[in-house]
């Protein structure tokens, strides 16, 4: 867990009270038997969170599988984006949230007291995001994007960072990259915006990508896996205060969610989809569950969501290059901990 100088006194104080956590370097928190409840029972009965319409998160899956008991999840509404979701953790409106790792880097650089505890989404051979253009488009290379518009769901997230990394690797200067206009488009409208030529490139993944490809007439200029291969792109975060005050609940949340990720990774796809449909139908939010039929894989690189430095280093390097961060301002190892993961010491 990261420990900056302005919070060291606070955490040491909490440790004296609980004798629950021993701090180590390299993004690690070595935990002993938590003491606030005496017998390892979670300190809280519920965890507040935001959800996504028509989708099932891994904590929701963990609860349905029985891994999270006795803790229950308390759904307080839907999030509009990853950056908004983790900001809610900072303000104390929720207990956990998830976002693109680059957004987490920026928030922690701004002195937010949060720590990433496990990865929850990414890209692999089955699950990835493509950046599509029309078949008759003159856009063939990164240089052709200068003066063009790229549509995506939000700024400051995964899609923006991937586009900029693509342009940067292609040799465009920062001034040239600034001439590529990034446009926020609702995901359900992105394909049509491309076909209407309101944008020149559309970021598409999952069901929206598959349906667009079925209709034809588009092709990817590049995919995120072309740049990064198999990688985890986003993490769940908890506040440092929550972790220090509730080490048992933190461990249970991470363990349960990690096991849910591995359940989804190792269970036949049809069974995972059926379980997701059941969860959506049972929670009674009047949602359309049809999108989960297109679920393909977890997209998570590390076993059970284990995080590595490289999953933050890519974005730290980019922010340093564009001047958003000063060189050495943030270190990847200070942004996350794998200490609560049941898979920490597994080699495979």
Protein backbone atom coordinates (compact mmCIF):
# COMPACT_ATOMS: atom_id res chain seq x y z
CA UNK A 1 0.00 0.00 0.00
CA UNK A 2 1.34 3.41 -0.77
CA UNK A 3 2.33 5.54 2.17
CA UNK A 4 3.19 9.17 1.50
CA UNK A 5 4.80 11.32 4.17
CA UNK A 6 1.64 13.27 4.92
CA UNK A 7 -0.26 10.14 5.93
CA UNK A 8 2.44 8.13 7.71
CA UNK A 9 1.55 9.42 11.18
CA UNK A 10 -2.11 8.63 10.66
CA UNK A 11 -1.50 5.06 9.55
CA UNK A 12 1.01 4.37 12.32
CA UNK A 13 -1.58 5.59 14.81
CA UNK A 14 -4.15 3.19 13.39
CA UNK A 15 -1.64 0.35 13.49
CA UNK A 16 -0.98 0.92 17.18
CA UNK A 17 -4.70 0.65 17.81
CA UNK A 18 -5.36 -2.43 15.71
CA UNK A 19 -2.03 -4.27 15.34
CA UNK A 20 -3.51 -5.39 12.08
CA UNK A 21 -1.26 -4.22 9.27
CA UNK A 22 2.48 -4.21 8.66
CA UNK A 23 3.60 -1.95 5.83
CA UNK A 24 6.07 -3.16 3.23
CA UNK A 25 7.49 -1.74 0.00
CA UNK A 26 6.79 -2.50 -3.66
CA UNK A 27 3.05 -2.05 -3.44
CA UNK A 28 2.73 -4.74 -0.80
CA UNK A 29 0.81 -4.78 2.46
CA UNK A 30 1.65 -7.75 4.61
CA UNK A 31 -1.33 -8.55 6.80
CA UNK A 32 -1.58 -10.46 10.03
CA UNK A 33 -4.72 -11.64 11.76
CA UNK A 34 -6.89 -8.57 12.09
CA UNK A 35 -7.64 -7.51 15.61
CA UNK A 36 -10.53 -5.06 15.54
CA UNK A 37 -13.03 -7.93 15.58
CA UNK A 38 -10.73 -10.32 17.40
CA UNK A 39 -11.64 -13.44 15.45
CA UNK A 40 -11.16 -12.36 11.86
CA UNK A 41 -14.81 -11.43 11.30
CA UNK A 42 -15.38 -8.48 8.94
CA UNK A 43 -15.75 -5.13 10.66
CA UNK A 44 -18.63 -4.01 8.40
CA UNK A 45 -21.85 -5.73 7.40
CA UNK A 46 -22.16 -4.15 3.95
CA UNK A 47 -20.19 -2.45 1.20
CA UNK A 48 -21.70 0.46 -0.73
CA UNK A 49 -21.04 0.53 -4.46
CA UNK A 50 -22.23 1.74 -7.86
CA UNK A 51 -23.18 -0.60 -10.68
CA UNK A 52 -23.57 -0.69 -14.45
CA UNK A 53 -26.88 -1.21 -16.23
CA UNK A 54 -27.14 -4.60 -17.89
CA UNK A 55 -23.78 -5.77 -16.57
CA UNK A 56 -22.53 -7.87 -13.66
CA UNK A 57 -19.39 -6.86 -11.78
CA UNK A 58 -17.08 -9.36 -10.13
CA UNK A 59 -18.07 -8.28 -6.59
CA UNK A 60 -21.71 -8.88 -7.58
CA UNK A 61 -20.74 -12.30 -8.92
CA UNK A 62 -18.79 -13.01 -5.72
CA UNK A 63 -21.84 -12.22 -3.61
CA UNK A 64 -24.07 -14.43 -5.75
CA UNK A 65 -21.59 -17.31 -5.50
CA UNK A 66 -21.55 -16.99 -1.72
CA UNK A 67 -17.90 -15.94 -1.53
CA UNK A 68 -18.59 -12.56 0.07
CA UNK A 69 -20.72 -13.71 3.02
CA UNK A 70 -21.38 -12.45 5.64
CA UNK A 71 -20.80 -9.08 3.95
CA UNK A 72 -23.61 -7.89 1.69
CA UNK A 73 -23.39 -5.39 -1.14
CA UNK A 74 -25.44 -2.19 -0.96
CA UNK A 75 -26.18 -0.87 -4.46
CA UNK A 76 -26.63 2.92 -4.39
CA UNK A 77 -27.09 3.54 -8.12
CA UNK A 78 -25.27 3.40 -11.43
CA UNK A 79 -21.98 5.09 -12.19
CA UNK A 80 -21.47 7.14 -15.34
CA UNK A 81 -17.76 6.34 -15.73
CA UNK A 82 -14.72 4.83 -14.06
CA UNK A 83 -13.27 8.22 -13.01
CA UNK A 84 -16.60 9.12 -11.40
CA UNK A 85 -16.76 5.73 -9.68
CA UNK A 86 -13.41 6.07 -7.92
CA UNK A 87 -14.07 9.72 -7.10
CA UNK A 88 -17.07 8.45 -5.13
CA UNK A 89 -14.68 6.35 -3.05
CA UNK A 90 -12.58 9.45 -2.33
CA UNK A 91 -15.63 11.42 -1.18
CA UNK A 92 -16.84 8.52 0.97
CA UNK A 93 -20.08 8.01 -0.92
CA UNK A 94 -19.07 4.41 -1.73
CA UNK A 95 -16.71 1.88 -0.20
CA UNK A 96 -15.17 0.57 -3.41
CA UNK A 97 -15.07 1.58 -7.05
CA UNK A 98 -13.23 0.72 -10.22
CA UNK A 99 -11.57 2.63 -13.02
CA UNK A 100 -8.93 2.62 -15.71
CA UNK A 101 -5.46 2.53 -14.15
CA UNK A 102 -4.48 5.83 -15.76
CA UNK A 103 -7.39 7.55 -14.03
CA UNK A 104 -6.24 6.05 -10.75
CA UNK A 105 -2.72 7.38 -11.35
CA UNK A 106 -4.08 10.89 -11.87
CA UNK A 107 -6.33 10.78 -8.82
CA UNK A 108 -3.57 9.53 -6.51
CA UNK A 109 -1.17 12.10 -7.96
CA UNK A 110 -3.75 14.67 -6.88
CA UNK A 111 -3.30 13.35 -3.30
CA UNK A 112 -6.36 11.11 -3.19
CA UNK A 113 -6.04 8.66 -0.30
CA UNK A 114 -6.88 5.45 -2.18
CA UNK A 115 -5.11 2.20 -3.07
CA UNK A 116 -5.76 -0.29 -5.87
CA UNK A 117 -6.40 -3.76 -4.47
CA UNK A 118 -7.07 -5.93 -7.55
CA UNK A 119 -7.51 -5.70 -11.31
CA UNK A 120 -10.98 -6.25 -12.71
CA UNK A 121 -10.90 -5.68 -16.48
CA UNK A 122 -8.51 -5.68 -19.40
CA UNK A 123 -7.93 -7.09 -22.85
CA UNK A 124 -7.01 -10.50 -24.19
CA UNK A 125 -7.56 -12.55 -27.34
CA UNK A 126 -11.30 -12.75 -26.64
CA UNK A 127 -12.02 -9.42 -24.98
CA UNK A 128 -10.60 -6.22 -26.45
CA UNK A 129 -11.41 -2.77 -27.78
CA UNK A 130 -10.98 -1.81 -31.42
CA UNK A 131 -10.72 1.67 -32.90
CA UNK A 132 -12.80 1.48 -36.06
CA UNK A 133 -13.12 3.50 -39.22
CA UNK A 134 -15.34 3.14 -42.27
CA UNK A 135 -14.11 0.87 -45.05
CA UNK A 136 -14.07 3.80 -47.50
CA UNK A 137 -12.25 6.11 -45.08
CA UNK A 138 -8.96 7.68 -46.22
CA UNK A 139 -7.53 7.05 -42.74
CA UNK A 140 -4.82 4.39 -43.02
CA UNK A 141 -2.17 5.46 -40.50
CA UNK A 142 -1.80 7.34 -37.25
CA UNK A 143 -0.68 10.46 -39.15
CA UNK A 144 -4.02 10.49 -40.96
CA UNK A 145 -5.77 11.16 -37.64
CA UNK A 146 -4.38 14.70 -37.41
CA UNK A 147 -7.37 17.00 -37.68
CA UNK A 148 -9.82 14.10 -37.30
CA UNK A 149 -12.31 13.15 -34.57
CA UNK A 150 -12.15 10.03 -32.39
CA UNK A 151 -15.30 9.04 -30.50
CA UNK A 152 -15.19 7.41 -27.05
CA UNK A 153 -17.33 6.98 -23.94
CA UNK A 154 -15.45 9.37 -21.64
CA UNK A 155 -12.32 11.49 -21.42
CA UNK A 156 -9.60 10.71 -18.93
CA UNK A 157 -10.18 6.98 -19.23
CA UNK A 158 -8.97 3.86 -21.00
CA UNK A 159 -9.92 4.86 -24.55
CA UNK A 160 -8.26 8.27 -24.45
CA UNK A 161 -5.03 6.83 -23.09
CA UNK A 162 -4.92 4.03 -25.67
CA UNK A 163 -5.49 6.45 -28.55
CA UNK A 164 -2.75 8.76 -27.31
CA UNK A 165 -0.36 5.85 -26.81
CA UNK A 166 -1.06 4.68 -30.37
CA UNK A 167 -0.29 8.13 -31.74
CA UNK A 168 2.78 8.51 -29.57
CA UNK A 169 4.22 5.16 -30.63
CA UNK A 170 3.61 6.06 -34.26
CA UNK A 171 5.97 9.00 -33.86
CA UNK A 172 3.53 11.90 -33.66
CA UNK A 173 4.72 14.88 -31.64
CA UNK A 174 2.75 16.18 -28.69
CA UNK A 175 1.63 19.14 -30.80
CA UNK A 176 0.37 16.79 -33.52
CA UNK A 177 -1.40 14.61 -30.96
CA UNK A 178 -3.22 17.68 -29.65
CA UNK A 179 -4.65 18.16 -33.14
CA UNK A 180 -6.55 14.87 -32.88
CA UNK A 181 -9.96 15.75 -31.43
CA UNK A 182 -11.38 13.39 -28.81
CA UNK A 183 -15.18 13.43 -28.72
CA UNK A 184 -17.37 12.01 -25.96
CA UNK A 185 -20.14 9.90 -27.50
CA UNK A 186 -22.63 7.67 -25.63
CA UNK A 187 -21.53 4.06 -26.25
CA UNK A 188 -24.87 3.09 -27.81
CA UNK A 189 -24.53 5.97 -30.30
CA UNK A 190 -20.88 5.49 -31.23
CA UNK A 191 -21.41 3.19 -34.20
CA UNK A 192 -24.10 5.40 -35.74
CA UNK A 193 -21.97 8.50 -35.21
CA UNK A 194 -19.24 6.80 -37.21
CA UNK A 195 -21.58 5.75 -40.00
CA UNK A 196 -23.05 9.28 -40.13
CA UNK A 197 -19.45 10.60 -40.37
CA UNK A 198 -19.87 12.76 -37.29
CA UNK A 199 -16.66 11.12 -36.06
CA UNK A 200 -13.82 9.51 -38.00
CA UNK A 201 -12.84 6.77 -35.55
CA UNK A 202 -15.09 4.90 -33.10
CA UNK A 203 -13.90 2.99 -30.06
CA UNK A 204 -15.97 -0.20 -29.90
CA UNK A 205 -15.82 -3.25 -27.67
CA UNK A 206 -18.01 -6.13 -26.54
CA UNK A 207 -21.57 -6.33 -27.81
CA UNK A 208 -21.39 -2.92 -29.51
CA UNK A 209 -18.35 -4.00 -31.52
CA UNK A 210 -19.79 -7.39 -32.42
CA UNK A 211 -23.11 -5.97 -33.60
CA UNK A 212 -21.35 -3.27 -35.62
CA UNK A 213 -19.16 -5.89 -37.30
CA UNK A 214 -22.23 -7.95 -38.16
CA UNK A 215 -23.57 -4.96 -40.07
CA UNK A 216 -20.26 -4.62 -41.91
CA UNK A 217 -18.62 -1.67 -43.61
CA UNK A 218 -16.07 -0.96 -40.87
CA UNK A 219 -12.63 -2.21 -39.91
CA UNK A 220 -10.21 -1.50 -37.06
CA UNK A 221 -7.39 0.95 -37.57
CA UNK A 222 -5.86 -0.70 -34.50
CA UNK A 223 -6.80 -2.62 -31.33
CA UNK A 224 -5.62 -2.07 -27.77
CA UNK A 225 -4.09 -5.56 -27.80
CA UNK A 226 -1.96 -4.51 -30.78
CA UNK A 227 -0.22 -2.12 -28.40
CA UNK A 228 -0.20 -3.98 -25.12
CA UNK A 229 -0.96 -7.65 -25.76
CA UNK A 230 -2.83 -9.28 -22.88
CA UNK A 231 -3.08 -6.75 -20.07
CA UNK A 232 -5.21 -5.66 -17.13
CA UNK A 233 -6.38 -2.10 -17.66
CA UNK A 234 -8.40 -1.18 -14.58
CA UNK A 235 -8.48 -1.81 -10.85
CA UNK A 236 -10.81 -1.69 -7.88
CA UNK A 237 -9.78 0.81 -5.23
CA UNK A 238 -10.50 1.25 -1.54
CA UNK A 239 -9.72 4.28 0.57
CA UNK A 240 -6.62 4.00 2.75
CA UNK A 241 -8.78 4.90 5.74
CA UNK A 242 -11.13 1.99 4.98
CA UNK A 243 -8.24 -0.47 4.63
CA UNK A 244 -6.64 0.62 7.91
CA UNK A 245 -9.94 0.57 9.80
CA UNK A 246 -11.36 -2.60 8.24
CA UNK A 247 -8.54 -5.05 7.41
CA UNK A 248 -10.77 -8.14 7.76
CA UNK A 249 -13.45 -6.70 5.47
CA UNK A 250 -10.76 -5.61 3.01
CA UNK A 251 -9.28 -9.10 2.89
CA UNK A 252 -12.70 -10.73 2.46
CA UNK A 253 -13.66 -8.31 -0.33
CA UNK A 254 -10.42 -8.94 -2.23
CA UNK A 255 -10.45 -12.71 -1.67
CA UNK A 256 -14.09 -13.06 -2.69
CA UNK A 257 -13.71 -10.92 -5.79
CA UNK A 258 -10.46 -12.66 -6.79
CA UNK A 259 -12.16 -16.05 -6.49
CA UNK A 260 -15.10 -14.79 -8.57
CA UNK A 261 -12.67 -13.71 -11.30
CA UNK A 262 -11.12 -17.18 -11.33
CA UNK A 263 -14.56 -18.81 -11.30
CA UNK A 264 -15.47 -16.83 -14.42
CA UNK A 265 -12.10 -17.64 -16.00
CA UNK A 266 -12.37 -21.42 -15.46
CA UNK A 267 -16.12 -22.01 -15.85
CA UNK A 268 -17.59 -22.79 -19.29
CA UNK A 269 -18.73 -19.61 -21.02
CA UNK A 270 -22.35 -20.75 -21.26
CA UNK A 271 -22.52 -21.24 -17.48
CA UNK A 272 -21.02 -17.83 -16.80
CA UNK A 273 -23.55 -16.17 -19.10
CA UNK A 274 -26.42 -18.06 -17.48
CA UNK A 275 -25.24 -16.96 -14.05
CA UNK A 276 -24.98 -13.33 -15.16
CA UNK A 277 -28.49 -13.45 -16.62
CA UNK A 278 -29.79 -14.91 -13.37
CA UNK A 279 -28.12 -12.19 -11.29
CA UNK A 280 -29.54 -9.42 -13.45
CA UNK A 281 -33.03 -10.90 -13.37
CA UNK A 282 -32.98 -11.44 -9.60
CA UNK A 283 -31.86 -7.94 -8.67
CA UNK A 284 -34.96 -6.39 -10.21
CA UNK A 285 -33.58 -3.18 -11.69
CA UNK A 286 -35.66 -3.41 -14.88
CA UNK A 287 -32.60 -3.99 -17.06
CA UNK A 288 -32.03 -5.64 -20.40
CA UNK A 289 -29.80 -8.65 -19.82
CA UNK A 290 -29.23 -9.39 -23.51
CA UNK A 291 -25.75 -7.85 -23.60
CA UNK A 292 -24.27 -10.51 -21.32
CA UNK A 293 -24.84 -13.09 -24.07
CA UNK A 294 -21.83 -11.52 -25.74
CA UNK A 295 -19.56 -12.06 -22.73
CA UNK A 296 -16.35 -13.80 -23.81
CA UNK A 297 -13.74 -13.68 -21.07
CA UNK A 298 -12.64 -11.83 -17.94
CA UNK A 299 -9.92 -9.93 -19.82
CA UNK A 300 -7.93 -9.90 -16.57
CA UNK A 301 -4.24 -10.73 -17.00
CA UNK A 302 -3.13 -11.62 -13.46
CA UNK A 303 -4.58 -14.61 -11.61
CA UNK A 304 -7.48 -13.46 -9.49
CA UNK A 305 -6.76 -9.86 -10.45
CA UNK A 306 -3.16 -9.70 -9.24
CA UNK A 307 -1.66 -6.35 -10.22
CA UNK A 308 1.83 -5.68 -11.56
CA UNK A 309 3.90 -2.50 -11.86
CA UNK A 310 3.73 -2.54 -15.66
CA UNK A 311 -0.04 -2.03 -15.58
CA UNK A 312 0.57 1.43 -14.11
CA UNK A 313 4.00 2.21 -15.54
CA UNK A 314 2.68 2.57 -19.10
CA UNK A 315 0.34 5.38 -18.09
CA UNK A 316 2.79 7.02 -15.69
CA UNK A 317 5.34 7.23 -18.52
CA UNK A 318 2.76 8.77 -20.84
CA UNK A 319 1.64 11.37 -18.30
CA UNK A 320 5.26 12.28 -17.67
CA UNK A 321 5.88 12.62 -21.42
CA UNK A 322 2.91 14.96 -21.92
CA UNK A 323 3.73 16.95 -18.80
CA UNK A 324 0.73 15.95 -16.70
CA UNK A 325 3.07 14.46 -14.09
CA UNK A 326 6.58 15.43 -13.11
CA UNK A 327 9.28 12.80 -13.57
CA UNK A 328 9.25 10.52 -10.54
CA UNK A 329 6.18 12.19 -9.03
CA UNK A 330 4.36 8.86 -8.85
CA UNK A 331 5.78 5.34 -8.60
CA UNK A 332 3.74 2.34 -9.71
CA UNK A 333 4.64 0.32 -6.62
CA UNK A 334 3.04 2.97 -4.42
CA UNK A 335 -0.34 2.77 -6.12
CA UNK A 336 -1.48 -0.76 -5.33
CA UNK A 337 -1.22 -3.76 -3.06
CA UNK A 338 -1.59 -7.48 -3.75
CA UNK A 339 -1.24 -8.32 -0.06
CA UNK A 340 -4.89 -9.26 0.42
CA UNK A 341 -5.05 -11.59 -2.61
CA UNK A 342 -5.34 -15.35 -2.00
CA UNK A 343 -3.20 -15.84 -5.11
CA UNK A 344 -0.28 -13.63 -4.06
CA UNK A 345 2.20 -16.45 -3.55
CA UNK A 346 1.07 -18.63 -6.46
CA UNK A 347 3.49 -18.90 -9.34
CA UNK A 348 0.95 -20.01 -11.95
